[in-house]
Amino acid sequence: MLPSEIRAVAIAPALALLPARMNSPKAEAMLLAIGLQESGLAHRRQVGGPARGLWQFEQGGGVRGVLLHPLSRQHALAACEAHNVKPSAAAVYAALEHDDILAAAFARLLLWADPAPLPAVGEVAKSWDLYVRTWRPGKPHRNRWDVCYAQAMDALAGEVPA
């Protein structure tokens, strides 16, 4: 999927499920860049691995973390209710493969649970640091991040204040 498509069909509806303070160009930039980095916005089931959804969550990692973290739990429960998904790690994990809105909401909530503020749009290195800290990829590919982040910036072009 193109970043512009994923913004329309998954990210915007996911952010609408969450408190308004979670919606910002900084959040969209991170969600797009991470989705591109993790799955190319194409693979809802990790190639050769256990992760699910366009943001590639593992059941015992990101899914469980978002469901249990004190900053994200309430919002995760509400997103699950809105999507008729039992708020258990197993049920959410299964749903992420087919529900891009729920996957985007959980991705935003994982970023929300991090104590540091979101990097400003265009802060590529700080965005990489946040991605690595929150997603904890087994095989991080820093060389791909710049391209993914640039694609995210292209999708946001014209909408981010200079």
C-alpha atoms as a PDB file:
ATOM      1  CA  MET A   1       0.000   0.000   0.000  1.00  0.00           C
ATOM      2  CA  LEU A   2       1.128   3.534  -0.638  1.00  0.00           C
ATOM      3  CA  PRO A   3       1.769   5.715   2.412  1.00  0.00           C
ATOM      4  CA  SER A   4      -1.054   8.042   1.326  1.00  0.00           C
ATOM      5  CA  GLU A   5      -3.444   5.070   1.232  1.00  0.00           C
ATOM      6  CA  ILE A   6      -2.406   3.763   4.628  1.00  0.00           C
ATOM      7  CA  ARG A   7      -2.849   7.247   6.082  1.00  0.00           C
ATOM      8  CA  ALA A   8      -6.434   7.329   4.808  1.00  0.00           C
ATOM      9  CA  VAL A   9      -7.552   3.786   5.558  1.00  0.00           C
ATOM     10  CA  ALA A  10      -5.638   2.984   8.748  1.00  0.00           C
ATOM     11  CA  ILE A  11      -3.749   5.834  10.409  1.00  0.00           C
ATOM     12  CA  ALA A  12      -6.458   8.524  10.316  1.00  0.00           C
ATOM     13  CA  PRO A  13      -9.192   6.180  11.602  1.00  0.00           C
ATOM     14  CA  ALA A  14      -6.830   4.812  14.278  1.00  0.00           C
ATOM     15  CA  LEU A  15      -5.923   8.287  15.496  1.00  0.00           C
ATOM     16  CA  ALA A  16      -9.642   9.137  15.596  1.00  0.00           C
ATOM     17  CA  LEU A  17     -10.087   6.296  18.127  1.00  0.00           C
ATOM     18  CA  LEU A  18      -7.459   7.821  20.408  1.00  0.00           C
ATOM     19  CA  PRO A  19      -7.315  11.091  22.369  1.00  0.00           C
ATOM     20  CA  ALA A  20      -6.702  14.122  20.153  1.00  0.00           C
ATOM     21  CA  ARG A  21      -3.354  14.807  21.855  1.00  0.00           C
ATOM     22  CA  MET A  22      -1.988  11.626  20.225  1.00  0.00           C
ATOM     23  CA  ASN A  23      -2.644  12.978  16.729  1.00  0.00           C
ATOM     24  CA  SER A  24       0.110  15.102  15.215  1.00  0.00           C
ATOM     25  CA  PRO A  25       2.325  15.263  12.137  1.00  0.00           C
ATOM     26  CA  LYS A  26       5.134  13.903  14.361  1.00  0.00           C
ATOM     27  CA  ALA A  27       3.007  10.843  15.173  1.00  0.00           C
ATOM     28  CA  GLU A  28       2.049  10.306  11.541  1.00  0.00           C
ATOM     29  CA  ALA A  29       5.671  10.607  10.431  1.00  0.00           C
ATOM     30  CA  MET A  30       6.717   7.934  12.925  1.00  0.00           C
ATOM     31  CA  LEU A  31       3.828   5.615  12.060  1.00  0.00           C
ATOM     32  CA  LEU A  32       4.521   5.851   8.344  1.00  0.00           C
ATOM     33  CA  ALA A  33       8.285   5.423   8.689  1.00  0.00           C
ATOM     34  CA  ILE A  34       7.936   2.454  11.055  1.00  0.00           C
ATOM     35  CA  GLY A  35       5.313   0.799   8.860  1.00  0.00           C
ATOM     36  CA  LEU A  36       7.573   1.204   5.847  1.00  0.00           C
ATOM     37  CA  GLN A  37      10.595  -0.071   7.785  1.00  0.00           C
ATOM     38  CA  GLU A  38       8.811  -3.045   9.327  1.00  0.00           C
ATOM     39  CA  SER A  39       6.613  -4.342   6.523  1.00  0.00           C
ATOM     40  CA  GLY A  40       6.993  -2.045   3.540  1.00  0.00           C
ATOM     41  CA  LEU A  41       3.277  -1.444   4.223  1.00  0.00           C
ATOM     42  CA  ALA A  42       2.750  -4.711   2.388  1.00  0.00           C
ATOM     43  CA  HIS A  43       3.263  -7.682   4.714  1.00  0.00           C
ATOM     44  CA  ARG A  44       0.707  -8.251   7.444  1.00  0.00           C
ATOM     45  CA  ARG A  45       2.435 -11.477   8.433  1.00  0.00           C
ATOM     46  CA  GLN A  46       6.185 -11.234   9.012  1.00  0.00           C
ATOM     47  CA  VAL A  47       8.207 -13.008   6.358  1.00  0.00           C
ATOM     48  CA  GLY A  48      10.067 -15.731   8.245  1.00  0.00           C
ATOM     49  CA  GLY A  49       8.915 -14.565  11.662  1.00  0.00           C
ATOM     50  CA  PRO A  50       6.058 -14.372  14.140  1.00  0.00           C
ATOM     51  CA  ALA A  51       5.044 -10.684  13.915  1.00  0.00           C
ATOM     52  CA  ARG A  52       1.636  -9.570  12.656  1.00  0.00           C
ATOM     53  CA  GLY A  53       0.167  -6.426  11.130  1.00  0.00           C
ATOM     54  CA  LEU A  54       1.718  -3.710   9.023  1.00  0.00           C
ATOM     55  CA  TRP A  55       3.660  -2.532  12.092  1.00  0.00           C
ATOM     56  CA  GLN A  56       4.820  -6.095  12.862  1.00  0.00           C
ATOM     57  CA  PHE A  57       3.810  -6.725  16.479  1.00  0.00           C
ATOM     58  CA  GLU A  58       4.671  -9.895  18.356  1.00  0.00           C
ATOM     59  CA  GLN A  59       2.145 -11.343  20.772  1.00  0.00           C
ATOM     60  CA  GLY A  60       4.387 -11.408  23.824  1.00  0.00           C
ATOM     61  CA  GLY A  61       6.177  -8.170  22.970  1.00  0.00           C
ATOM     62  CA  GLY A  62       4.391  -5.128  21.598  1.00  0.00           C
ATOM     63  CA  VAL A  63       0.852  -6.485  21.870  1.00  0.00           C
ATOM     64  CA  ARG A  64       1.256  -7.539  25.484  1.00  0.00           C
ATOM     65  CA  GLY A  65       3.174  -4.368  26.307  1.00  0.00           C
ATOM     66  CA  VAL A  66       0.508  -2.031  24.924  1.00  0.00           C
ATOM     67  CA  LEU A  67      -2.253  -3.971  26.684  1.00  0.00           C
ATOM     68  CA  LEU A  68      -0.464  -3.803  30.039  1.00  0.00           C
ATOM     69  CA  HIS A  69       1.400  -0.476  30.091  1.00  0.00           C
ATOM     70  CA  PRO A  70      -0.293   2.036  32.414  1.00  0.00           C
ATOM     71  CA  LEU A  71      -0.116   4.826  29.803  1.00  0.00           C
ATOM     72  CA  SER A  72      -1.598   2.777  26.968  1.00  0.00           C
ATOM     73  CA  ARG A  73      -3.836   0.181  28.622  1.00  0.00           C
ATOM     74  CA  GLN A  74      -7.040   2.246  28.863  1.00  0.00           C
ATOM     75  CA  HIS A  75      -6.741   3.372  25.233  1.00  0.00           C
ATOM     76  CA  ALA A  76      -5.884  -0.134  24.032  1.00  0.00           C
ATOM     77  CA  LEU A  77      -8.975  -1.521  25.760  1.00  0.00           C
ATOM     78  CA  ALA A  78     -11.115   1.145  24.090  1.00  0.00           C
ATOM     79  CA  ALA A  79      -9.621   0.389  20.657  1.00  0.00           C
ATOM     80  CA  CYS A  80     -10.259  -3.322  21.173  1.00  0.00           C
ATOM     81  CA  GLU A  81     -13.857  -2.635  22.173  1.00  0.00           C
ATOM     82  CA  ALA A  82     -14.389  -0.400  19.134  1.00  0.00           C
ATOM     83  CA  HIS A  83     -13.143  -3.223  16.902  1.00  0.00           C
ATOM     84  CA  ASN A  84     -14.924  -6.051  18.708  1.00  0.00           C
ATOM     85  CA  VAL A  85     -11.658  -7.707  19.675  1.00  0.00           C
ATOM     86  CA  LYS A  86     -11.213  -9.388  23.041  1.00  0.00           C
ATOM     87  CA  PRO A  87      -8.510  -7.416  24.904  1.00  0.00           C
ATOM     88  CA  SER A  88      -6.133 -10.338  25.280  1.00  0.00           C
ATOM     89  CA  ALA A  89      -2.687 -10.681  23.760  1.00  0.00           C
ATOM     90  CA  ALA A  90      -3.770 -13.715  21.716  1.00  0.00           C
ATOM     91  CA  ALA A  91      -6.930 -12.124  20.334  1.00  0.00           C
ATOM     92  CA  VAL A  92      -5.283  -8.801  19.462  1.00  0.00           C
ATOM     93  CA  TYR A  93      -2.304 -10.569  17.898  1.00  0.00           C
ATOM     94  CA  ALA A  94      -4.648 -12.555  15.640  1.00  0.00           C
ATOM     95  CA  ALA A  95      -6.670  -9.453  14.731  1.00  0.00           C
ATOM     96  CA  LEU A  96      -3.659  -7.325  13.764  1.00  0.00           C
ATOM     97  CA  GLU A  97      -3.088  -9.374  10.643  1.00  0.00           C
ATOM     98  CA  HIS A  98      -6.481  -8.340   9.252  1.00  0.00           C
ATOM     99  CA  ASP A  99      -7.310  -5.062  11.004  1.00  0.00           C
ATOM    100  CA  ASP A 100      -5.027  -2.238   9.866  1.00  0.00           C
ATOM    101  CA  ILE A 101      -6.838   0.342  12.005  1.00  0.00           C
ATOM    102  CA  LEU A 102      -6.298  -1.651  15.193  1.00  0.00           C
ATOM    103  CA  ALA A 103      -2.687  -2.243  14.148  1.00  0.00           C
ATOM    104  CA  ALA A 104      -2.129   1.498  13.635  1.00  0.00           C
ATOM    105  CA  ALA A 105      -3.758   2.268  16.996  1.00  0.00           C
ATOM    106  CA  PHE A 106      -1.484  -0.214  18.774  1.00  0.00           C
ATOM    107  CA  ALA A 107       1.545   1.239  16.963  1.00  0.00           C
ATOM    108  CA  ARG A 108       0.613   4.740  18.122  1.00  0.00           C
ATOM    109  CA  LEU A 109       0.052   3.478  21.656  1.00  0.00           C
ATOM    110  CA  LEU A 110       3.470   1.819  21.724  1.00  0.00           C
ATOM    111  CA  LEU A 111       5.018   5.177  20.829  1.00  0.00           C
ATOM    112  CA  TRP A 112       2.809   6.902  23.426  1.00  0.00           C
ATOM    113  CA  ALA A 113       4.135   4.642  26.187  1.00  0.00           C
ATOM    114  CA  ASP A 114       7.700   5.811  25.569  1.00  0.00           C
ATOM    115  CA  PRO A 115       8.680   8.507  28.099  1.00  0.00           C
ATOM    116  CA  ALA A 116      10.475  10.721  25.563  1.00  0.00           C
ATOM    117  CA  PRO A 117       8.525  13.157  23.384  1.00  0.00           C
ATOM    118  CA  LEU A 118       8.140  12.343  19.717  1.00  0.00           C
ATOM    119  CA  PRO A 119      10.964  13.740  17.587  1.00  0.00           C
ATOM    120  CA  ALA A 120      10.182  16.754  15.452  1.00  0.00           C
ATOM    121  CA  VAL A 121       9.269  16.005  11.870  1.00  0.00           C
ATOM    122  CA  GLY A 122      12.520  15.714   9.944  1.00  0.00           C
ATOM    123  CA  GLU A 123      14.670  14.582  12.882  1.00  0.00           C
ATOM    124  CA  VAL A 124      15.746  11.363  11.209  1.00  0.00           C
ATOM    125  CA  ALA A 125      18.360  10.241  13.755  1.00  0.00           C
ATOM    126  CA  LYS A 126      16.125  10.886  16.768  1.00  0.00           C
ATOM    127  CA  SER A 127      13.281   9.096  14.984  1.00  0.00           C
ATOM    128  CA  TRP A 128      15.562   6.105  14.414  1.00  0.00           C
ATOM    129  CA  ASP A 129      16.480   6.094  18.103  1.00  0.00           C
ATOM    130  CA  LEU A 130      12.793   6.094  19.090  1.00  0.00           C
ATOM    131  CA  TYR A 131      12.013   3.291  16.649  1.00  0.00           C
ATOM    132  CA  VAL A 132      14.847   1.101  17.936  1.00  0.00           C
ATOM    133  CA  ARG A 133      13.960   1.836  21.566  1.00  0.00           C
ATOM    134  CA  THR A 134      10.255   1.035  21.183  1.00  0.00           C
ATOM    135  CA  TRP A 135      10.155  -1.696  18.517  1.00  0.00           C
ATOM    136  CA  ARG A 136      13.416  -3.359  19.586  1.00  0.00           C
ATOM    137  CA  PRO A 137      13.976  -4.948  16.167  1.00  0.00           C
ATOM    138  CA  GLY A 138      16.016  -8.132  16.205  1.00  0.00           C
ATOM    139  CA  LYS A 139      17.952  -7.119  13.110  1.00  0.00           C
ATOM    140  CA  PRO A 140      17.793  -3.326  12.840  1.00  0.00           C
ATOM    141  CA  HIS A 141      18.526  -1.969   9.374  1.00  0.00           C
ATOM    142  CA  ARG A 142      19.659   1.622   9.856  1.00  0.00           C
ATOM    143  CA  ASN A 143      20.592   1.869   6.186  1.00  0.00           C
ATOM    144  CA  ARG A 144      16.916   1.402   5.203  1.00  0.00           C
ATOM    145  CA  TRP A 145      15.546   3.872   7.755  1.00  0.00           C
ATOM    146  CA  ASP A 146      16.576   7.020   5.879  1.00  0.00           C
ATOM    147  CA  VAL A 147      14.702   5.872   2.762  1.00  0.00           C
ATOM    148  CA  CYS A 148      11.622   4.879   4.763  1.00  0.00           C
ATOM    149  CA  TYR A 149      11.649   8.153   6.652  1.00  0.00           C
ATOM    150  CA  ALA A 150      12.031  10.117   3.402  1.00  0.00           C
ATOM    151  CA  GLN A 151       9.003   8.293   1.979  1.00  0.00           C
ATOM    152  CA  ALA A 152       7.045   9.220   5.101  1.00  0.00           C
ATOM    153  CA  MET A 153       8.087  12.851   4.641  1.00  0.00           C
ATOM    154  CA  ASP A 154       6.962  12.766   1.023  1.00  0.00           C
ATOM    155  CA  ALA A 155       3.544  11.506   2.145  1.00  0.00           C
ATOM    156  CA  LEU A 156       3.271  14.387   4.628  1.00  0.00           C
ATOM    157  CA  ALA A 157       4.616  17.028   2.218  1.00  0.00           C
ATOM    158  CA  GLY A 158       2.542  20.152   2.131  1.00  0.00           C
ATOM    159  CA  GLU A 159       0.842  19.361   5.439  1.00  0.00           C
ATOM    160  CA  VAL A 160       3.672  19.941   7.892  1.00  0.00           C
ATOM    161  CA  PRO A 161       4.344  23.559   8.882  1.00  0.00           C
ATOM    162  CA  ALA A 162       7.799  24.746   7.814  1.00  0.00           C
END
